[in-house]
Structure formats: C-alpha cells, structure tokens
Amino acid sequence: MSLLTYTDARPWAKAMKAAVLSKKMPPWFADTKVGVHFSNQMTLTDAEINTLVSWVDNGAPEGNPKDKPAR
C-alpha cells in the first residue's frame, strides 16, 4: 500500500491504528527484552503512537497543505 499522499493513506487509517497499537507495525523482529538499543531500530515511541491514534480517533483529517513535504 502506498502512503505517499493523504489520499493514499486515509483509507488505511483504522488499520494503521490497529497495527501500531498491537505493535505489529512498524515491523521489528529483534528481541527488545535484551536491553540493547539498535541504531536502525524501527519502533515508534509512545508519543508517536498516541499521535497516530489521536489522528484516527479524530476522523483522520487532512493536515494543512502548506505543511506537506516537497516531493
């Protein structure tokens, strides 16, 4: 699935919320119980998860077009 644009990502909002809350996404297969921090660790912080959950819970609104990254 593409997440390059709001139009691409919006239909997946509820699925993204479920995936990050269950920690299935982003995928990270290293054992975090080892207590080692990996330089390429692909996990989300609680704040990042809360941001995504809040976005979905508030109807997944599109942000300000002026804030889009340049392509």
Protein backbone atom coordinates (compact mmCIF):
# COMPACT_ATOMS: atom_id res chain seq x y z
CA MET A 1 0.00 0.00 0.00
CA SER A 2 1.19 3.45 -0.74
CA LEU A 3 1.41 6.07 2.00
CA LEU A 4 2.90 8.82 -0.13
CA THR A 5 -0.17 11.05 -0.12
CA TYR A 6 -3.09 11.74 2.17
CA THR A 7 -5.41 10.25 -0.44
CA ASP A 8 -3.33 7.04 -0.38
CA ALA A 9 -3.10 6.82 3.41
CA ARG A 10 -6.58 7.91 4.54
CA PRO A 11 -8.42 4.67 3.64
CA TRP A 12 -5.94 2.77 5.82
CA ALA A 13 -6.35 4.93 8.95
CA LYS A 14 -8.18 2.37 11.12
CA ALA A 15 -5.88 -0.44 10.01
CA MET A 16 -2.81 1.68 10.79
CA LYS A 17 -4.18 2.42 14.27
CA ALA A 18 -4.77 -1.27 14.97
CA ALA A 19 -1.33 -2.22 13.65
CA VAL A 20 0.61 0.28 15.77
CA LEU A 21 -1.42 -0.41 18.92
CA SER A 22 -0.77 -4.14 18.56
CA LYS A 23 2.91 -3.37 17.80
CA LYS A 24 2.70 -5.28 14.50
CA MET A 25 3.88 -2.14 12.73
CA PRO A 26 6.39 -0.98 12.08
CA PRO A 27 7.88 -4.46 11.80
CA TRP A 28 10.79 -5.08 14.13
CA PHE A 29 11.88 -8.62 14.81
CA ALA A 30 14.81 -8.06 17.17
CA ASP A 31 14.24 -9.09 20.78
CA THR A 32 13.75 -5.83 22.69
CA LYS A 33 13.95 -7.70 26.00
CA VAL A 34 17.72 -7.97 25.53
CA GLY A 35 18.04 -4.35 26.57
CA VAL A 36 20.15 -3.31 23.62
CA HIS A 37 19.41 -0.24 21.54
CA PHE A 38 19.93 -0.82 17.84
CA SER A 39 20.98 2.09 15.65
CA ASN A 40 18.48 1.05 12.99
CA GLN A 41 15.66 0.29 15.41
CA MET A 42 12.30 0.66 13.70
CA THR A 43 9.88 1.20 16.57
CA LEU A 44 7.54 4.04 17.41
CA THR A 45 7.64 5.95 20.66
CA ASP A 46 4.53 6.10 22.82
CA ALA A 47 4.14 9.74 21.76
CA GLU A 48 4.27 8.78 18.06
CA ILE A 49 1.70 6.02 18.60
CA ASN A 50 -0.54 8.43 20.52
CA THR A 51 -0.28 10.97 17.69
CA LEU A 52 -1.41 8.43 15.11
CA VAL A 53 -4.20 7.09 17.35
CA SER A 54 -5.42 10.63 18.04
CA TRP A 55 -5.42 11.42 14.32
CA VAL A 56 -7.57 8.36 13.58
CA ASP A 57 -9.88 8.93 16.57
CA ASN A 58 -10.49 12.49 15.34
CA GLY A 59 -11.60 11.37 11.89
CA ALA A 60 -8.15 11.26 10.23
CA PRO A 61 -8.36 14.84 8.95
CA GLU A 62 -6.05 16.08 6.25
CA GLY A 63 -3.41 18.50 7.51
CA ASN A 64 -2.62 21.91 6.19
CA PRO A 65 -1.47 21.57 2.55
CA LYS A 66 1.28 24.15 3.27
CA ASP A 67 2.91 21.64 5.65
CA LYS A 68 3.34 18.92 3.02
CA PRO A 69 6.90 17.86 2.34
CA ALA A 70 8.31 18.73 -1.06
CA ARG A 71 8.19 15.82 -3.49
